[in-house]
Protein backbone atom coordinates (compact mmCIF):
# COMPACT_ATOMS: atom_id res chain seq x y z
CA MET A 1 -53.50 -157.16 -48.73
CA PRO A 2 -54.57 -155.46 -52.05
CA THR A 3 -52.83 -156.59 -55.20
CA PRO A 4 -50.81 -154.04 -57.26
CA ARG A 5 -53.47 -154.14 -59.99
CA LEU A 6 -56.20 -153.36 -57.44
CA THR A 7 -54.09 -150.57 -55.93
CA PHE A 8 -53.61 -149.05 -59.37
CA ALA A 9 -57.33 -149.26 -60.12
CA ARG A 10 -58.21 -147.55 -56.83
CA LEU A 11 -55.63 -144.79 -57.45
CA CYS A 12 -56.97 -144.11 -60.95
CA ALA A 13 -60.52 -144.00 -59.63
CA ALA A 14 -59.53 -141.52 -56.93
CA VAL A 15 -57.76 -139.25 -59.39
CA THR A 16 -60.66 -139.43 -61.85
CA ALA A 17 -63.10 -138.48 -59.11
CA ALA A 18 -60.92 -135.61 -57.94
CA LEU A 19 -60.23 -134.05 -61.36
CA PRO A 20 -63.61 -132.31 -61.87
CA VAL A 21 -63.45 -130.78 -58.40
CA LEU A 22 -59.83 -129.69 -58.80
CA LEU A 23 -60.33 -128.20 -62.24
CA ALA A 24 -63.49 -126.38 -61.16
CA ALA A 25 -61.78 -124.88 -58.14
CA PRO A 26 -61.29 -121.12 -58.44
CA ALA A 27 -57.81 -119.88 -59.13
CA GLY A 28 -56.12 -117.40 -56.87
CA ALA A 29 -57.52 -114.48 -58.95
CA ALA A 30 -60.96 -114.10 -60.47
CA PRO A 31 -61.16 -115.10 -64.14
CA ARG A 32 -60.70 -112.25 -66.60
CA GLN A 33 -63.83 -111.26 -68.44
CA PRO A 34 -63.86 -109.56 -71.85
CA PRO A 35 -64.22 -105.78 -71.60
CA PRO A 36 -67.74 -104.44 -72.04
CA SER A 37 -68.61 -103.33 -75.54
CA VAL A 38 -67.93 -99.62 -76.05
CA ALA A 39 -69.50 -97.68 -78.91
CA ILE A 40 -67.17 -96.64 -81.67
CA GLY A 41 -66.14 -93.06 -80.95
CA GLY A 42 -66.56 -93.16 -77.19
CA GLU A 43 -68.72 -94.57 -74.43
CA ARG A 44 -71.16 -91.66 -74.31
CA LEU A 45 -72.03 -92.10 -77.96
CA GLY A 46 -73.48 -95.50 -77.11
CA LEU A 47 -75.82 -94.12 -74.44
CA PRO A 48 -79.44 -93.34 -75.27
CA GLY A 49 -80.70 -89.80 -75.54
CA VAL A 50 -78.94 -86.46 -75.84
CA GLN A 51 -75.25 -86.30 -74.95
CA VAL A 52 -73.68 -82.88 -74.41
CA ALA A 53 -71.14 -81.55 -71.90
CA PRO A 54 -71.55 -77.76 -71.66
CA MET A 55 -69.04 -75.50 -69.96
CA ALA A 56 -69.51 -71.92 -68.80
CA GLY A 57 -71.10 -69.76 -71.46
CA ALA A 58 -72.25 -72.63 -73.65
CA PRO A 59 -75.52 -71.96 -75.49
CA PRO A 60 -78.42 -74.35 -74.95
CA LEU A 61 -79.20 -76.91 -77.61
CA PRO A 62 -82.04 -76.05 -80.00
CA ALA A 63 -85.44 -76.82 -78.57
CA ASP A 64 -87.95 -79.27 -80.04
CA LEU A 65 -85.53 -81.40 -82.05
CA THR A 66 -87.48 -84.29 -83.55
CA GLY A 67 -84.76 -86.29 -85.33
CA GLN A 68 -84.59 -89.85 -84.06
CA SER A 69 -80.81 -89.59 -84.39
CA TRP A 70 -78.44 -86.65 -84.89
CA ILE A 71 -74.82 -85.65 -84.36
CA VAL A 72 -72.74 -82.45 -84.48
CA SER A 73 -69.01 -82.87 -85.08
CA ASP A 74 -65.89 -80.99 -86.11
CA ALA A 75 -64.73 -82.24 -89.51
CA ALA A 76 -61.06 -81.45 -88.85
CA SER A 77 -60.52 -82.69 -85.30
CA GLY A 78 -63.31 -85.28 -85.32
CA GLU A 79 -64.58 -84.02 -81.95
CA VAL A 80 -68.27 -84.70 -81.38
CA LEU A 81 -69.81 -81.61 -79.79
CA ALA A 82 -73.22 -83.16 -79.13
CA ALA A 83 -75.30 -86.11 -80.25
CA SER A 84 -78.53 -87.97 -79.74
CA ASN A 85 -78.64 -91.72 -80.40
CA PRO A 86 -75.86 -91.37 -83.01
CA HIS A 87 -75.40 -95.15 -83.38
CA LEU A 88 -79.10 -95.87 -83.89
CA ARG A 89 -79.36 -97.99 -87.03
CA LEU A 90 -81.87 -96.55 -89.47
CA PRO A 91 -82.51 -96.69 -93.23
CA PRO A 92 -80.18 -94.09 -94.77
CA ALA A 93 -82.03 -93.24 -98.02
CA SER A 94 -79.87 -91.39 -100.54
CA THR A 95 -77.35 -90.25 -97.94
CA LEU A 96 -75.81 -93.69 -98.58
CA LYS A 97 -74.69 -92.20 -101.92
CA ILE A 98 -71.98 -90.44 -99.89
CA LEU A 99 -70.40 -93.84 -99.26
CA PHE A 100 -70.95 -94.77 -102.90
CA ALA A 101 -69.07 -91.66 -104.02
CA ASP A 102 -66.33 -92.17 -101.46
CA THR A 103 -65.85 -95.70 -102.82
CA VAL A 104 -66.16 -95.21 -106.59
CA LEU A 105 -65.39 -91.56 -107.35
CA PRO A 106 -61.56 -91.89 -107.18
CA LYS A 107 -61.57 -94.70 -109.76
CA PHE A 108 -62.50 -92.83 -112.95
CA ASP A 109 -61.14 -89.75 -114.70
CA ARG A 110 -63.80 -87.05 -114.64
CA ASN A 111 -63.26 -86.41 -118.36
CA ALA A 112 -63.65 -90.05 -119.41
CA VAL A 113 -66.59 -90.78 -121.70
CA HIS A 114 -68.86 -93.78 -121.28
CA ARG A 115 -71.58 -95.07 -123.63
CA VAL A 116 -74.52 -96.32 -121.60
CA ALA A 117 -75.85 -99.78 -122.41
CA ASP A 118 -79.51 -100.58 -121.88
CA GLU A 119 -78.84 -103.13 -119.13
CA GLU A 120 -77.02 -100.49 -117.08
CA ILE A 121 -80.24 -98.61 -116.40
CA GLN A 122 -82.41 -101.65 -115.76
CA GLY A 123 -83.34 -103.02 -112.33
CA ILE A 124 -83.70 -99.60 -110.72
CA GLY A 125 -86.26 -99.55 -107.92
CA PRO A 126 -89.72 -98.20 -108.76
CA GLY A 127 -90.23 -94.63 -107.65
CA SER A 128 -86.48 -93.91 -107.69
CA SER A 129 -85.22 -90.40 -108.28
CA LEU A 130 -83.68 -90.20 -111.77
CA VAL A 131 -81.59 -87.66 -113.64
CA GLY A 132 -82.76 -88.94 -117.04
CA ILE A 133 -79.98 -91.04 -118.57
CA LYS A 134 -80.71 -92.65 -121.95
CA GLU A 135 -79.22 -95.84 -123.37
CA ASN A 136 -76.80 -95.79 -126.32
CA LEU A 137 -75.66 -92.25 -125.58
CA ASP A 138 -72.29 -91.00 -124.35
CA TYR A 139 -71.84 -89.33 -120.98
CA ARG A 140 -68.78 -87.89 -119.35
CA VAL A 141 -68.01 -89.22 -115.89
CA GLU A 142 -68.34 -85.74 -114.38
CA ASP A 143 -71.86 -85.49 -115.82
CA LEU A 144 -72.77 -88.79 -114.18
CA TRP A 145 -71.51 -87.54 -110.84
CA ARG A 146 -73.54 -84.35 -111.16
CA GLY A 147 -76.52 -86.60 -111.74
CA VAL A 148 -75.69 -88.42 -108.49
CA PHE A 149 -75.13 -85.34 -106.31
CA LEU A 150 -77.62 -82.84 -107.72
CA SER A 151 -80.56 -85.00 -108.83
CA SER A 152 -79.79 -87.93 -106.53
CA GLY A 153 -80.18 -90.00 -109.69
CA ASN A 154 -80.31 -93.72 -109.08
CA ASP A 155 -79.84 -94.19 -112.83
CA ALA A 156 -76.48 -92.38 -112.62
CA VAL A 157 -75.50 -94.56 -109.66
CA HIS A 158 -76.30 -97.74 -111.57
CA VAL A 159 -74.32 -96.67 -114.64
CA LEU A 160 -71.27 -95.87 -112.51
CA ALA A 161 -71.72 -99.13 -110.60
CA HIS A 162 -71.70 -101.08 -113.89
CA MET A 163 -68.57 -99.21 -114.93
CA ASN A 164 -67.10 -100.37 -111.63
CA GLY A 165 -67.74 -104.04 -112.41
CA GLY A 166 -71.42 -104.36 -111.53
CA VAL A 167 -73.88 -103.57 -108.76
CA GLN A 168 -72.97 -106.51 -106.52
CA ARG A 169 -69.26 -105.85 -106.78
CA THR A 170 -69.85 -102.20 -105.96
CA VAL A 171 -72.01 -103.10 -102.96
CA ALA A 172 -69.24 -105.38 -101.67
CA GLU A 173 -66.65 -102.63 -102.14
CA MET A 174 -68.87 -100.13 -100.35
CA GLN A 175 -69.19 -102.50 -97.40
CA THR A 176 -65.41 -102.95 -97.33
CA ARG A 177 -64.96 -99.18 -97.45
CA ALA A 178 -67.42 -98.76 -94.58
CA ASP A 179 -65.47 -101.31 -92.55
CA THR A 180 -62.22 -99.47 -93.27
CA LEU A 181 -63.79 -96.25 -92.03
CA GLN A 182 -64.91 -98.15 -88.88
CA ALA A 183 -68.55 -97.54 -89.78
CA ARG A 184 -69.86 -100.55 -87.89
CA ASP A 185 -73.54 -99.59 -88.02
CA THR A 186 -73.75 -99.75 -91.82
CA ARG A 187 -75.04 -102.66 -93.91
CA VAL A 188 -75.04 -102.02 -97.65
CA ILE A 189 -77.60 -103.81 -99.83
CA SER A 190 -78.04 -101.34 -102.69
CA PRO A 191 -75.53 -98.74 -103.93
CA ASP A 192 -78.08 -95.93 -104.22
CA GLY A 193 -79.75 -96.02 -100.79
CA TYR A 194 -83.06 -97.33 -102.13
CA ASP A 195 -85.13 -98.97 -99.38
CA MET A 196 -84.01 -102.60 -99.02
CA ASP A 197 -84.55 -105.05 -96.18
CA GLY A 198 -81.56 -104.98 -93.85
CA GLN A 199 -79.98 -101.83 -95.31
CA VAL A 200 -79.11 -99.50 -92.44
CA SER A 201 -76.62 -96.88 -91.37
CA SER A 202 -76.39 -94.34 -88.55
CA ALA A 203 -75.85 -90.63 -88.07
CA TYR A 204 -72.36 -91.43 -86.78
CA ASP A 205 -71.45 -93.54 -89.82
CA LEU A 206 -72.86 -91.03 -92.30
CA SER A 207 -70.69 -88.37 -90.68
CA LEU A 208 -67.67 -90.63 -91.14
CA PHE A 209 -68.52 -91.01 -94.84
CA ALA A 210 -68.95 -87.26 -95.31
CA ARG A 211 -65.73 -86.47 -93.49
CA ALA A 212 -63.82 -88.86 -95.74
CA GLY A 213 -65.55 -87.63 -98.89
CA LEU A 214 -64.78 -83.99 -98.21
CA ARG A 215 -61.07 -84.78 -98.39
CA ASN A 216 -61.58 -85.37 -102.14
CA ALA A 217 -61.55 -82.12 -104.12
CA ASP A 218 -63.96 -83.46 -106.77
CA PHE A 219 -66.39 -84.63 -104.08
CA ARG A 220 -66.40 -81.10 -102.58
CA VAL A 221 -67.09 -79.55 -105.97
CA TYR A 222 -69.96 -81.90 -106.84
CA CYS A 223 -71.72 -81.65 -103.48
CA ALA A 224 -71.46 -77.84 -103.53
CA THR A 225 -72.80 -77.43 -107.09
CA ARG A 226 -76.20 -75.75 -107.09
CA ASP A 227 -77.19 -76.26 -110.72
CA ALA A 228 -75.76 -77.56 -114.00
CA MET A 229 -76.65 -78.51 -117.54
CA PHE A 230 -77.06 -82.22 -118.18
CA PRO A 231 -76.73 -83.98 -121.58
CA GLY A 232 -80.08 -84.77 -123.15
CA ALA A 233 -81.35 -86.78 -126.10
CA VAL A 234 -80.44 -86.38 -129.76
CA ASP A 235 -82.90 -84.37 -131.84
CA ARG A 236 -84.12 -86.59 -134.67
CA ASN A 237 -84.55 -83.68 -137.03
CA THR A 238 -81.25 -81.87 -136.52
CA GLY A 239 -79.09 -84.71 -135.22
CA GLN A 240 -77.90 -82.36 -132.50
CA ARG A 241 -77.78 -83.40 -128.91
CA GLY A 242 -79.61 -81.20 -126.48
CA SER A 243 -79.22 -80.55 -122.76
CA PHE A 244 -81.42 -79.61 -119.84
CA GLY A 245 -80.92 -77.98 -116.48
CA ILE A 246 -80.70 -79.85 -113.20
CA ALA A 247 -80.70 -78.33 -109.71
CA ASN A 248 -79.40 -79.60 -106.40
CA THR A 249 -82.22 -80.92 -104.23
CA ASP A 250 -80.36 -79.81 -101.08
CA ARG A 251 -82.64 -77.01 -99.79
CA LEU A 252 -79.93 -75.45 -97.59
CA LEU A 253 -77.39 -75.02 -100.39
CA GLY A 254 -77.16 -71.33 -101.24
CA LYS A 255 -79.35 -70.40 -98.29
CA TYR A 256 -77.36 -71.37 -95.21
CA PRO A 257 -74.20 -69.22 -94.88
CA GLY A 258 -71.04 -71.20 -95.53
CA LEU A 259 -72.79 -74.44 -96.46
CA ILE A 260 -70.54 -76.81 -98.43
CA GLY A 261 -73.06 -79.63 -99.10
CA VAL A 262 -73.25 -82.70 -98.59
CA LYS A 263 -76.30 -84.92 -99.34
CA ASN A 264 -79.99 -85.26 -98.59
CA GLY A 265 -82.29 -88.24 -98.91
CA THR A 266 -85.91 -89.27 -98.60
CA THR A 267 -87.60 -92.68 -98.81
CA THR A 268 -90.68 -94.29 -97.35
CA ASN A 269 -88.75 -96.24 -94.71
CA ALA A 270 -86.09 -93.63 -93.94
CA GLY A 271 -88.28 -90.56 -93.86
CA SER A 272 -85.90 -87.66 -94.42
CA THR A 273 -82.16 -87.80 -93.83
CA PHE A 274 -79.53 -85.13 -94.32
CA VAL A 275 -75.79 -84.68 -93.91
CA GLY A 276 -74.68 -81.07 -94.05
CA ALA A 277 -71.23 -79.48 -93.82
CA ALA A 278 -70.64 -75.78 -93.32
CA GLU A 279 -67.58 -73.60 -92.84
CA ARG A 280 -67.33 -70.49 -90.71
CA GLY A 281 -64.30 -68.74 -89.26
CA GLY A 282 -61.94 -71.48 -90.47
CA ARG A 283 -63.96 -74.21 -88.76
CA THR A 284 -65.89 -76.89 -90.66
CA LEU A 285 -68.77 -78.57 -88.87
CA LEU A 286 -70.71 -81.67 -89.87
CA VAL A 287 -74.33 -82.25 -88.88
CA THR A 288 -76.30 -85.40 -89.64
CA VAL A 289 -80.03 -85.65 -88.90
CA MET A 290 -82.04 -88.83 -89.47
CA HIS A 291 -85.81 -89.30 -89.53
CA PRO A 292 -87.27 -86.10 -88.04
CA SER A 293 -91.01 -85.61 -87.88
CA SER A 294 -91.34 -84.10 -91.37
CA TYR A 295 -89.47 -83.49 -94.62
CA GLN A 296 -88.80 -79.78 -93.99
CA LYS A 297 -87.73 -80.46 -90.39
CA VAL A 298 -84.56 -82.21 -91.59
CA TYR A 299 -83.32 -78.89 -93.01
CA ASP A 300 -84.60 -76.72 -90.16
CA GLU A 301 -82.98 -78.94 -87.54
CA THR A 302 -79.72 -79.24 -89.46
CA ALA A 303 -79.49 -75.45 -89.72
CA ALA A 304 -80.33 -75.03 -86.03
CA LEU A 305 -77.68 -77.57 -85.01
CA LEU A 306 -75.07 -75.92 -87.24
CA ASP A 307 -75.87 -72.56 -85.64
CA TRP A 308 -75.53 -74.13 -82.21
CA GLY A 309 -72.28 -75.88 -83.12
CA PHE A 310 -70.55 -72.72 -84.29
CA ALA A 311 -71.73 -70.86 -81.17
CA ALA A 312 -70.79 -73.74 -78.83
CA ALA A 313 -67.33 -74.51 -80.24
CA GLY A 314 -64.80 -74.11 -77.44
CA LYS A 315 -67.57 -73.95 -74.85
CA VAL A 316 -68.42 -77.63 -74.63
CA GLN A 317 -66.36 -80.67 -73.82
CA PRO A 318 -66.44 -83.24 -76.64
CA VAL A 319 -68.62 -86.24 -75.85
CA GLY A 320 -66.78 -88.48 -78.32
CA ARG A 321 -64.99 -88.36 -81.62
CA LEU A 322 -65.20 -89.42 -85.23
CA VAL A 323 -62.63 -92.19 -85.44
CA ASP A 324 -59.97 -92.23 -88.11
CA GLU A 325 -59.83 -94.54 -91.07
CA LEU A 326 -57.90 -97.76 -90.54
CA SER A 327 -54.51 -97.75 -92.21
CA PRO A 328 -53.87 -100.47 -94.81
CA GLY A 329 -53.07 -103.63 -92.92
CA GLY A 330 -53.95 -101.91 -89.68
CA ALA A 331 -55.46 -103.64 -86.70
CA GLU A 332 -59.19 -104.07 -86.45
CA PRO A 333 -61.05 -101.85 -83.95
CA THR A 334 -60.90 -103.19 -80.42
CA GLY A 335 -64.32 -102.05 -79.31
CA GLN A 336 -62.51 -99.53 -77.10
CA ALA A 337 -62.61 -96.62 -79.50
CA GLY A 338 -61.81 -93.96 -76.95
CA GLY A 339 -63.12 -92.24 -73.91
CA GLY A 340 -66.00 -89.82 -73.78
CA ASP A 341 -63.52 -86.94 -74.13
CA GLY A 342 -62.26 -88.30 -77.42
CA THR A 343 -58.94 -89.58 -76.10
CA PRO A 344 -57.61 -92.75 -77.73
CA ALA A 345 -58.28 -96.00 -75.92
CA PRO A 346 -55.49 -98.02 -74.34
CA PRO A 347 -54.45 -101.27 -76.00
CA PRO A 348 -57.11 -103.97 -75.56
CA HIS A 349 -54.70 -106.24 -73.68
CA PRO A 350 -51.59 -105.50 -71.59
CA ALA A 351 -48.28 -106.21 -73.23
CA ALA A 352 -46.78 -109.59 -72.48
CA PRO A 353 -43.87 -109.56 -69.97
CA ALA A 354 -40.37 -109.88 -71.38
CA ALA A 355 -39.80 -113.15 -69.52
CA ALA A 356 -42.15 -115.27 -67.46
CA ALA A 357 -41.37 -115.61 -63.80
CA PRO A 358 -40.10 -119.07 -62.85
CA THR A 359 -43.11 -119.69 -60.62
CA ALA A 360 -45.72 -118.57 -63.16
CA ALA A 361 -48.18 -121.29 -63.99
CA PRO A 362 -49.17 -121.77 -67.62
CA THR A 363 -52.73 -120.98 -68.63
CA ALA A 364 -54.92 -122.55 -71.27
CA ALA A 365 -55.56 -120.39 -74.33
CA GLY A 366 -58.68 -118.33 -73.79
CA GLY A 367 -59.12 -119.81 -70.31
CA GLY A 368 -58.77 -116.54 -68.48
CA GLY A 369 -56.54 -118.10 -65.78
CA ARG A 370 -58.96 -120.77 -64.55
CA PHE A 371 -56.60 -123.60 -65.53
CA GLY A 372 -54.04 -122.42 -62.98
CA VAL A 373 -51.95 -124.01 -60.24
CA VAL A 374 -54.72 -126.25 -58.99
CA GLY A 375 -55.57 -127.50 -62.46
CA TRP A 376 -52.00 -128.30 -63.32
CA SER A 377 -51.53 -130.02 -59.95
CA ALA A 378 -54.38 -132.33 -60.87
CA VAL A 379 -52.77 -133.11 -64.20
CA VAL A 380 -49.44 -133.87 -62.53
CA LEU A 381 -51.17 -136.08 -59.99
CA ALA A 382 -52.90 -137.97 -62.77
CA GLY A 383 -49.60 -138.41 -64.55
CA VAL A 384 -47.92 -139.78 -61.45
CA ALA A 385 -50.76 -142.23 -60.95
CA LEU A 386 -50.65 -143.44 -64.51
CA GLY A 387 -46.89 -143.76 -64.41
CA TYR A 388 -47.04 -145.76 -61.22
CA GLY A 389 -49.73 -147.99 -62.67
CA ALA A 390 -47.76 -148.59 -65.84
CA LEU A 391 -44.71 -149.56 -63.78
CA VAL A 392 -46.76 -152.01 -61.68
CA LEU A 393 -48.36 -153.58 -64.73
CA ARG A 394 -45.02 -153.86 -66.43
CA ARG A 395 -43.65 -155.69 -63.44
CA ARG A 396 -46.63 -158.02 -63.43
CA THR A 397 -46.35 -158.90 -67.14
CA GLY A 398 -42.64 -158.48 -67.77
């Protein structure tokens, strides 16, 4: 006849052998899997190629579009009328200055005067576009912003960035601002859009930046300004400070009917990029085009897509939407940013019941229900065995 100690040993061995099988056994329902990743703005915006949902009477999209990525959206409603690879991550060139302005512009009075130190215009990438800022001279903030928007001056960006606490601080704030706008395709390395390894954005994100920027009255004025006088150097003979004219490098401004702005850009890695906003009949449309086949194409294709957007409004179903900015302290995006029709997504998880049913089995955190009735039965069985063994041993030694 087995001794109590031997019986206890055999019982523990049996439970130990059974635990892996019991815990691996499937629960009554299949384990919950995390939802598939959905592109910000709607599922269709994450699909490759052209996305458009025409209804009766809708005009066809322009032919021979060469942009690697583009998007047409309504600035007020956020509805995306059509898009092609809008979340494709590409170098943004100077269109990243839209995010820079959206981040820094509200911080300084336009009439404030700043004396430029030499170090503020150092470290600018070779070949950068410049407005012509000189050290040890005073500039009004509004002049600096005209240098940013009209001449795409990287020197003006760097001066404003130093006023904001430095380039690295400004880059960090721009990234935070991008995150708040739910611009998940954007990685900021430089404040001016100069080609840098790892610096990317997308047509979708650039549209978010422009939409946010256009809510600022000063932003709208600067991006719509065609030409201005900029402070120059001091004449050594007269002691008088001169000025020179600067013109907006946006080739559609003043040519496309109703164009508001916003910003163009060109670098070696980015090719040409452009974000344009235009108003017609009380409707404001945004078009972003990235990396078409040539410099001039970025303007031609933007104009063609704006024409199409105004003609197609009300005749196409939206294929997504520009998401809204997160409120302070608001929840992070769930990855379920809405359906293809632009409707908001449901909560990422169902609400917890008011009270658990008496027969509900507890689940391990993050276990998706696998540690269910069977698993807990194994634990109880192990507990009974250990309790029995402890009682036997106590009797033997007590």
